[in-house]
């Protein structure tokens, strides 16, 4: 059964991009030649679309149709710009809560985080255009439909989003084990944003440096870290606890 959020063929993908479709990622066969391939690559660069160059075996696993060396995933949701998202939230909320995901790549973790974000009143999620988990059917399913309820913005760099939020009066806290400060030592009663990192690398050092605060969770066992979606849930519910107290 074909993925309804997937299109294939060079010209079809070019037309989708030109039509303004929300393209999450384009898979291009390594070594693809020709004028159409050059046109597609130029569009991808111009629009800042996430693309991967893969062997033909990868494309053949994604679809049994004649893909002509190109497959694109179309997002089932509409993404916001950072400016639109922040302006929209700040106009309607006096004490907003944002969640930034620094190169989180697992779609099921992404879906689980979106679900928790909706349950804890997160006003907007911010992800990177490149390297972030796409919003796929699995993401939607794991989120229990919350992906349609929590607005998501895409940015070129998470660090730039941190600076923009700070300039908007929002305090940014990074979740990282590379700190001596516990989450329970910080206050989240003011406008806040929390940054969660990738499953394997955590939050980028440059983002940690740019943030207002760093915080960690106490780990009492011998395993050195929590699953990122679980850790995110703990952070968000600490915000809820403080704001309801």
C-alpha atoms as a PDB file:
ATOM      1  CA  UNK A   1       0.000   0.000   0.000  1.00  0.00           C
ATOM      2  CA  UNK A   2       1.421   3.408  -0.993  1.00  0.00           C
ATOM      3  CA  UNK A   3       2.018   6.136   1.545  1.00  0.00           C
ATOM      4  CA  UNK A   4      -0.595   8.882   0.904  1.00  0.00           C
ATOM      5  CA  UNK A   5       1.917  11.520   2.019  1.00  0.00           C
ATOM      6  CA  UNK A   6       4.470  10.419  -0.592  1.00  0.00           C
ATOM      7  CA  UNK A   7       4.953  11.518  -4.184  1.00  0.00           C
ATOM      8  CA  UNK A   8       7.467  10.189  -6.688  1.00  0.00           C
ATOM      9  CA  UNK A   9       8.976  11.165 -10.022  1.00  0.00           C
ATOM     10  CA  UNK A  10      11.213  14.148 -10.759  1.00  0.00           C
ATOM     11  CA  UNK A  11       8.620  16.332 -12.482  1.00  0.00           C
ATOM     12  CA  UNK A  12       5.912  15.524  -9.934  1.00  0.00           C
ATOM     13  CA  UNK A  13       8.172  16.575  -7.081  1.00  0.00           C
ATOM     14  CA  UNK A  14       9.197  19.776  -8.904  1.00  0.00           C
ATOM     15  CA  UNK A  15       5.542  20.652  -9.465  1.00  0.00           C
ATOM     16  CA  UNK A  16       4.712  19.943  -5.812  1.00  0.00           C
ATOM     17  CA  UNK A  17       7.475  22.282  -4.639  1.00  0.00           C
ATOM     18  CA  UNK A  18       6.407  25.011  -7.069  1.00  0.00           C
ATOM     19  CA  UNK A  19       2.796  24.606  -5.900  1.00  0.00           C
ATOM     20  CA  UNK A  20       3.846  25.333  -2.329  1.00  0.00           C
ATOM     21  CA  UNK A  21       3.241  21.858  -0.904  1.00  0.00           C
ATOM     22  CA  UNK A  22       4.715  21.296   2.564  1.00  0.00           C
ATOM     23  CA  UNK A  23       7.619  19.028   1.614  1.00  0.00           C
ATOM     24  CA  UNK A  24       9.252  17.392   4.617  1.00  0.00           C
ATOM     25  CA  UNK A  25      12.069  15.595   2.834  1.00  0.00           C
ATOM     26  CA  UNK A  26      13.212  14.620  -0.649  1.00  0.00           C
ATOM     27  CA  UNK A  27      15.116  11.412  -1.363  1.00  0.00           C
ATOM     28  CA  UNK A  28      17.306  11.656  -4.479  1.00  0.00           C
ATOM     29  CA  UNK A  29      19.156   8.797  -6.089  1.00  0.00           C
ATOM     30  CA  UNK A  30      22.928   9.216  -5.918  1.00  0.00           C
ATOM     31  CA  UNK A  31      24.436  10.212  -9.248  1.00  0.00           C
ATOM     32  CA  UNK A  32      21.131  11.352 -10.782  1.00  0.00           C
ATOM     33  CA  UNK A  33      21.828  13.369 -13.972  1.00  0.00           C
ATOM     34  CA  UNK A  34      19.897  15.547 -16.384  1.00  0.00           C
ATOM     35  CA  UNK A  35      18.318  19.002 -16.645  1.00  0.00           C
ATOM     36  CA  UNK A  36      15.295  18.086 -14.525  1.00  0.00           C
ATOM     37  CA  UNK A  37      17.543  16.763 -11.778  1.00  0.00           C
ATOM     38  CA  UNK A  38      19.484  20.043 -11.818  1.00  0.00           C
ATOM     39  CA  UNK A  39      16.239  22.022 -11.700  1.00  0.00           C
ATOM     40  CA  UNK A  40      15.037  19.972  -8.731  1.00  0.00           C
ATOM     41  CA  UNK A  41      18.305  20.414  -6.840  1.00  0.00           C
ATOM     42  CA  UNK A  42      18.170  24.165  -7.454  1.00  0.00           C
ATOM     43  CA  UNK A  43      14.623  24.342  -6.066  1.00  0.00           C
ATOM     44  CA  UNK A  44      15.611  22.321  -3.011  1.00  0.00           C
ATOM     45  CA  UNK A  45      18.470  24.702  -2.261  1.00  0.00           C
ATOM     46  CA  UNK A  46      16.314  27.785  -2.860  1.00  0.00           C
ATOM     47  CA  UNK A  47      13.483  26.587  -0.616  1.00  0.00           C
ATOM     48  CA  UNK A  48      15.750  25.116   2.064  1.00  0.00           C
ATOM     49  CA  UNK A  49      14.131  21.679   1.796  1.00  0.00           C
ATOM     50  CA  UNK A  50      15.679  18.737   3.619  1.00  0.00           C
ATOM     51  CA  UNK A  51      17.153  16.268   1.088  1.00  0.00           C
ATOM     52  CA  UNK A  52      19.126  13.023   1.218  1.00  0.00           C
ATOM     53  CA  UNK A  53      21.104  11.349  -1.556  1.00  0.00           C
ATOM     54  CA  UNK A  54      20.486   7.610  -1.333  1.00  0.00           C
ATOM     55  CA  UNK A  55      21.186   4.427  -3.325  1.00  0.00           C
ATOM     56  CA  UNK A  56      18.412   3.112  -5.620  1.00  0.00           C
ATOM     57  CA  UNK A  57      17.733   0.234  -3.209  1.00  0.00           C
ATOM     58  CA  UNK A  58      16.497   2.758  -0.628  1.00  0.00           C
ATOM     59  CA  UNK A  59      14.080   4.306  -3.130  1.00  0.00           C
ATOM     60  CA  UNK A  60      12.838   0.881  -4.213  1.00  0.00           C
ATOM     61  CA  UNK A  61      12.022   0.090  -0.588  1.00  0.00           C
ATOM     62  CA  UNK A  62      10.026   3.318  -0.282  1.00  0.00           C
ATOM     63  CA  UNK A  63       7.840   2.672  -3.338  1.00  0.00           C
ATOM     64  CA  UNK A  64       7.245   0.026  -6.003  1.00  0.00           C
ATOM     65  CA  UNK A  65       6.255   2.677  -8.545  1.00  0.00           C
ATOM     66  CA  UNK A  66       8.483   4.269 -11.184  1.00  0.00           C
ATOM     67  CA  UNK A  67      10.155   6.878  -8.982  1.00  0.00           C
ATOM     68  CA  UNK A  68      12.685   8.070 -11.601  1.00  0.00           C
ATOM     69  CA  UNK A  69      15.226   8.451  -8.818  1.00  0.00           C
ATOM     70  CA  UNK A  70      13.203  10.896  -6.694  1.00  0.00           C
ATOM     71  CA  UNK A  71      10.698  10.479  -3.846  1.00  0.00           C
ATOM     72  CA  UNK A  72       9.309  13.244  -1.637  1.00  0.00           C
ATOM     73  CA  UNK A  73       7.466  13.067   1.662  1.00  0.00           C
ATOM     74  CA  UNK A  74       4.675  15.622   1.958  1.00  0.00           C
ATOM     75  CA  UNK A  75       3.821  16.704   5.473  1.00  0.00           C
ATOM     76  CA  UNK A  76       0.187  16.101   6.490  1.00  0.00           C
ATOM     77  CA  UNK A  77       0.271  19.337   8.511  1.00  0.00           C
ATOM     78  CA  UNK A  78       1.039  22.960   7.704  1.00  0.00           C
ATOM     79  CA  UNK A  79       4.123  24.447   9.314  1.00  0.00           C
ATOM     80  CA  UNK A  80       4.406  27.998  10.628  1.00  0.00           C
ATOM     81  CA  UNK A  81       7.273  30.433  10.404  1.00  0.00           C
ATOM     82  CA  UNK A  82       8.852  31.209  13.769  1.00  0.00           C
ATOM     83  CA  UNK A  83       7.744  34.833  13.616  1.00  0.00           C
ATOM     84  CA  UNK A  84       4.123  33.925  12.846  1.00  0.00           C
ATOM     85  CA  UNK A  85       3.986  31.308  15.596  1.00  0.00           C
ATOM     86  CA  UNK A  86       5.480  33.533  18.301  1.00  0.00           C
ATOM     87  CA  UNK A  87       3.363  36.540  17.317  1.00  0.00           C
ATOM     88  CA  UNK A  88       0.193  34.448  17.290  1.00  0.00           C
ATOM     89  CA  UNK A  89       0.908  32.950  20.718  1.00  0.00           C
ATOM     90  CA  UNK A  90       2.083  36.191  22.347  1.00  0.00           C
ATOM     91  CA  UNK A  91      -1.078  37.968  21.173  1.00  0.00           C
ATOM     92  CA  UNK A  92      -3.285  35.412  22.894  1.00  0.00           C
ATOM     93  CA  UNK A  93      -1.290  34.287  25.959  1.00  0.00           C
ATOM     94  CA  UNK A  94       0.346  36.226  28.783  1.00  0.00           C
ATOM     95  CA  UNK A  95       2.406  33.288  29.993  1.00  0.00           C
ATOM     96  CA  UNK A  96       3.266  31.113  26.981  1.00  0.00           C
ATOM     97  CA  UNK A  97       5.227  27.871  26.894  1.00  0.00           C
ATOM     98  CA  UNK A  98       7.273  26.820  23.875  1.00  0.00           C
ATOM     99  CA  UNK A  99       9.131  23.581  23.171  1.00  0.00           C
ATOM    100  CA  UNK A 100      12.214  23.427  20.944  1.00  0.00           C
ATOM    101  CA  UNK A 101      13.514  20.116  19.597  1.00  0.00           C
ATOM    102  CA  UNK A 102      17.169  20.207  18.566  1.00  0.00           C
ATOM    103  CA  UNK A 103      17.563  17.659  15.722  1.00  0.00           C
ATOM    104  CA  UNK A 104      15.292  15.034  17.242  1.00  0.00           C
ATOM    105  CA  UNK A 105      15.263  12.348  14.547  1.00  0.00           C
ATOM    106  CA  UNK A 106      12.990   9.498  15.683  1.00  0.00           C
ATOM    107  CA  UNK A 107       9.431   9.915  14.365  1.00  0.00           C
ATOM    108  CA  UNK A 108       7.833   7.939  17.203  1.00  0.00           C
ATOM    109  CA  UNK A 109       9.653   9.936  19.865  1.00  0.00           C
ATOM    110  CA  UNK A 110       8.529  13.050  18.011  1.00  0.00           C
ATOM    111  CA  UNK A 111       4.928  11.866  18.018  1.00  0.00           C
ATOM    112  CA  UNK A 112       5.051  10.976  21.715  1.00  0.00           C
ATOM    113  CA  UNK A 113       6.495  14.405  22.523  1.00  0.00           C
ATOM    114  CA  UNK A 114       3.790  16.184  20.522  1.00  0.00           C
ATOM    115  CA  UNK A 115       1.148  14.225  22.452  1.00  0.00           C
ATOM    116  CA  UNK A 116       2.686  15.189  25.803  1.00  0.00           C
ATOM    117  CA  UNK A 117       3.073  18.800  24.631  1.00  0.00           C
ATOM    118  CA  UNK A 118      -0.634  18.997  23.855  1.00  0.00           C
ATOM    119  CA  UNK A 119      -1.530  17.512  27.244  1.00  0.00           C
ATOM    120  CA  UNK A 120       0.684  20.000  29.113  1.00  0.00           C
ATOM    121  CA  UNK A 121      -0.493  23.128  27.312  1.00  0.00           C
ATOM    122  CA  UNK A 122       2.534  23.802  25.125  1.00  0.00           C
ATOM    123  CA  UNK A 123       1.649  26.687  22.823  1.00  0.00           C
ATOM    124  CA  UNK A 124       4.050  25.844  20.010  1.00  0.00           C
ATOM    125  CA  UNK A 125       6.811  23.443  18.993  1.00  0.00           C
ATOM    126  CA  UNK A 126       9.897  24.580  17.075  1.00  0.00           C
ATOM    127  CA  UNK A 127      12.063  22.200  15.024  1.00  0.00           C
ATOM    128  CA  UNK A 128      14.874  22.520  12.485  1.00  0.00           C
ATOM    129  CA  UNK A 129      14.228  22.364   8.765  1.00  0.00           C
ATOM    130  CA  UNK A 130      17.115  19.961   8.241  1.00  0.00           C
ATOM    131  CA  UNK A 131      17.922  16.924  10.362  1.00  0.00           C
ATOM    132  CA  UNK A 132      14.634  16.881  12.267  1.00  0.00           C
ATOM    133  CA  UNK A 133      12.188  13.979  12.331  1.00  0.00           C
ATOM    134  CA  UNK A 134       9.515  14.431   9.654  1.00  0.00           C
ATOM    135  CA  UNK A 135       5.819  14.481  10.409  1.00  0.00           C
ATOM    136  CA  UNK A 136       4.795  11.117   8.965  1.00  0.00           C
ATOM    137  CA  UNK A 137       1.809   8.831   9.390  1.00  0.00           C
ATOM    138  CA  UNK A 138       3.704   7.203  12.278  1.00  0.00           C
ATOM    139  CA  UNK A 139       4.216  10.607  13.897  1.00  0.00           C
ATOM    140  CA  UNK A 140       0.513  11.411  13.609  1.00  0.00           C
ATOM    141  CA  UNK A 141      -0.483   8.025  15.001  1.00  0.00           C
ATOM    142  CA  UNK A 142       1.946   8.168  17.929  1.00  0.00           C
ATOM    143  CA  UNK A 143       0.804  11.694  18.743  1.00  0.00           C
ATOM    144  CA  UNK A 144      -2.816  10.438  18.958  1.00  0.00           C
ATOM    145  CA  UNK A 145      -3.771  13.264  16.597  1.00  0.00           C
ATOM    146  CA  UNK A 146      -2.121  15.975  18.715  1.00  0.00           C
ATOM    147  CA  UNK A 147       0.030  16.937  15.721  1.00  0.00           C
ATOM    148  CA  UNK A 148      -3.081  18.602  14.296  1.00  0.00           C
ATOM    149  CA  UNK A 149      -3.637  20.596  17.500  1.00  0.00           C
ATOM    150  CA  UNK A 150      -0.197  21.946  18.464  1.00  0.00           C
ATOM    151  CA  UNK A 151       1.278  24.460  15.980  1.00  0.00           C
ATOM    152  CA  UNK A 152       4.768  23.585  14.754  1.00  0.00           C
ATOM    153  CA  UNK A 153       7.315  25.996  13.275  1.00  0.00           C
ATOM    154  CA  UNK A 154      10.421  25.170  11.273  1.00  0.00           C
ATOM    155  CA  UNK A 155      13.627  27.200  11.517  1.00  0.00           C
ATOM    156  CA  UNK A 156      17.048  27.042   9.883  1.00  0.00           C
ATOM    157  CA  UNK A 157      18.856  26.870  13.224  1.00  0.00           C
ATOM    158  CA  UNK A 158      17.564  26.245  16.745  1.00  0.00           C
ATOM    159  CA  UNK A 159      20.085  28.765  18.119  1.00  0.00           C
ATOM    160  CA  UNK A 160      18.488  31.525  16.045  1.00  0.00           C
ATOM    161  CA  UNK A 161      15.095  30.552  17.491  1.00  0.00           C
ATOM    162  CA  UNK A 162      16.554  30.792  20.999  1.00  0.00           C
ATOM    163  CA  UNK A 163      17.740  34.364  20.337  1.00  0.00           C
ATOM    164  CA  UNK A 164      14.360  35.315  18.836  1.00  0.00           C
ATOM    165  CA  UNK A 165      12.449  33.931  21.817  1.00  0.00           C
ATOM    166  CA  UNK A 166      14.746  35.711  24.268  1.00  0.00           C
ATOM    167  CA  UNK A 167      14.199  38.981  22.399  1.00  0.00           C
ATOM    168  CA  UNK A 168      10.455  38.354  22.805  1.00  0.00           C
ATOM    169  CA  UNK A 169      10.791  38.132  26.584  1.00  0.00           C
ATOM    170  CA  UNK A 170      10.826  34.358  26.868  1.00  0.00           C
ATOM    171  CA  UNK A 171      13.291  32.553  29.152  1.00  0.00           C
ATOM    172  CA  UNK A 172      14.946  29.537  27.484  1.00  0.00           C
ATOM    173  CA  UNK A 173      16.000  26.456  29.466  1.00  0.00           C
ATOM    174  CA  UNK A 174      18.014  23.605  27.942  1.00  0.00           C
ATOM    175  CA  UNK A 175      17.605  20.024  29.146  1.00  0.00           C
ATOM    176  CA  UNK A 176      21.115  18.615  29.465  1.00  0.00           C
ATOM    177  CA  UNK A 177      23.100  16.338  31.714  1.00  0.00           C
ATOM    178  CA  UNK A 178      26.076  18.707  31.354  1.00  0.00           C
ATOM    179  CA  UNK A 179      25.049  20.918  34.266  1.00  0.00           C
ATOM    180  CA  UNK A 180      24.897  20.823  38.038  1.00  0.00           C
ATOM    181  CA  UNK A 181      21.508  22.547  38.166  1.00  0.00           C
ATOM    182  CA  UNK A 182      18.433  20.414  38.794  1.00  0.00           C
ATOM    183  CA  UNK A 183      15.164  21.222  37.044  1.00  0.00           C
ATOM    184  CA  UNK A 184      13.638  21.570  40.507  1.00  0.00           C
ATOM    185  CA  UNK A 185      15.872  24.572  41.251  1.00  0.00           C
ATOM    186  CA  UNK A 186      14.427  26.682  38.424  1.00  0.00           C
ATOM    187  CA  UNK A 187      11.219  28.677  38.100  1.00  0.00           C
ATOM    188  CA  UNK A 188       8.982  28.294  35.056  1.00  0.00           C
ATOM    189  CA  UNK A 189       6.228  30.648  36.172  1.00  0.00           C
ATOM    190  CA  UNK A 190       7.218  33.290  33.618  1.00  0.00           C
ATOM    191  CA  UNK A 191       7.044  32.945  29.794  1.00  0.00           C
ATOM    192  CA  UNK A 192       9.283  29.959  29.091  1.00  0.00           C
ATOM    193  CA  UNK A 193      10.756  27.719  26.436  1.00  0.00           C
ATOM    194  CA  UNK A 194      12.346  24.307  26.946  1.00  0.00           C
ATOM    195  CA  UNK A 195      14.911  22.794  24.577  1.00  0.00           C
ATOM    196  CA  UNK A 196      15.205  19.014  24.243  1.00  0.00           C
ATOM    197  CA  UNK A 197      18.043  17.429  22.278  1.00  0.00           C
ATOM    198  CA  UNK A 198      18.635  14.580  19.880  1.00  0.00           C
ATOM    199  CA  UNK A 199      18.429  11.002  21.154  1.00  0.00           C
ATOM    200  CA  UNK A 200      22.134  10.335  20.725  1.00  0.00           C
ATOM    201  CA  UNK A 201      23.867  13.724  20.985  1.00  0.00           C
ATOM    202  CA  UNK A 202      21.647  15.824  23.212  1.00  0.00           C
ATOM    203  CA  UNK A 203      21.378  19.571  22.720  1.00  0.00           C
ATOM    204  CA  UNK A 204      24.050  21.244  20.576  1.00  0.00           C
ATOM    205  CA  UNK A 205      26.801  23.015  22.574  1.00  0.00           C
ATOM    206  CA  UNK A 206      26.079  26.320  20.818  1.00  0.00           C
ATOM    207  CA  UNK A 207      22.415  26.120  21.859  1.00  0.00           C
ATOM    208  CA  UNK A 208      23.368  25.308  25.458  1.00  0.00           C
ATOM    209  CA  UNK A 209      25.644  28.345  25.483  1.00  0.00           C
ATOM    210  CA  UNK A 210      22.929  30.622  24.072  1.00  0.00           C
ATOM    211  CA  UNK A 211      20.199  29.552  26.519  1.00  0.00           C
ATOM    212  CA  UNK A 212      19.365  31.361  29.758  1.00  0.00           C
ATOM    213  CA  UNK A 213      19.467  28.213  31.889  1.00  0.00           C
ATOM    214  CA  UNK A 214      20.539  24.569  31.750  1.00  0.00           C
ATOM    215  CA  UNK A 215      18.834  21.917  33.845  1.00  0.00           C
ATOM    216  CA  UNK A 216      18.997  18.176  34.370  1.00  0.00           C
ATOM    217  CA  UNK A 217      16.849  15.469  35.892  1.00  0.00           C
ATOM    218  CA  UNK A 218      18.109  13.456  38.874  1.00  0.00           C
ATOM    219  CA  UNK A 219      19.013   9.913  37.816  1.00  0.00           C
ATOM    220  CA  UNK A 220      19.096   7.510  40.734  1.00  0.00           C
ATOM    221  CA  UNK A 221      19.751   4.286  38.828  1.00  0.00           C
ATOM    222  CA  UNK A 222      22.792   3.098  36.906  1.00  0.00           C
ATOM    223  CA  UNK A 223      21.517   3.890  33.404  1.00  0.00           C
ATOM    224  CA  UNK A 224      22.884   7.277  32.415  1.00  0.00           C
ATOM    225  CA  UNK A 225      19.924   8.813  30.619  1.00  0.00           C
ATOM    226  CA  UNK A 226      16.175   8.728  29.974  1.00  0.00           C
ATOM    227  CA  UNK A 227      14.417   8.322  26.657  1.00  0.00           C
ATOM    228  CA  UNK A 228      14.017  11.846  25.275  1.00  0.00           C
ATOM    229  CA  UNK A 229      10.215  11.681  25.130  1.00  0.00           C
ATOM    230  CA  UNK A 230      10.082  10.554  28.774  1.00  0.00           C
ATOM    231  CA  UNK A 231      12.527  13.274  29.867  1.00  0.00           C
ATOM    232  CA  UNK A 232      10.514  15.844  27.935  1.00  0.00           C
ATOM    233  CA  UNK A 233       7.360  14.749  29.758  1.00  0.00           C
ATOM    234  CA  UNK A 234       9.028  15.217  33.145  1.00  0.00           C
ATOM    235  CA  UNK A 235      10.235  18.704  32.217  1.00  0.00           C
ATOM    236  CA  UNK A 236       6.847  19.788  30.894  1.00  0.00           C
ATOM    237  CA  UNK A 237       4.953  18.473  33.889  1.00  0.00           C
ATOM    238  CA  UNK A 238       7.297  20.349  36.217  1.00  0.00           C
ATOM    239  CA  UNK A 239       6.187  23.508  34.386  1.00  0.00           C
ATOM    240  CA  UNK A 240       2.543  22.454  34.882  1.00  0.00           C
ATOM    241  CA  UNK A 241       3.137  21.747  38.594  1.00  0.00           C
ATOM    242  CA  UNK A 242       4.703  25.147  39.170  1.00  0.00           C
ATOM    243  CA  UNK A 243       2.073  27.065  37.257  1.00  0.00           C
ATOM    244  CA  UNK A 244      -0.815  25.310  38.977  1.00  0.00           C
ATOM    245  CA  UNK A 245       0.700  25.778  42.448  1.00  0.00           C
END
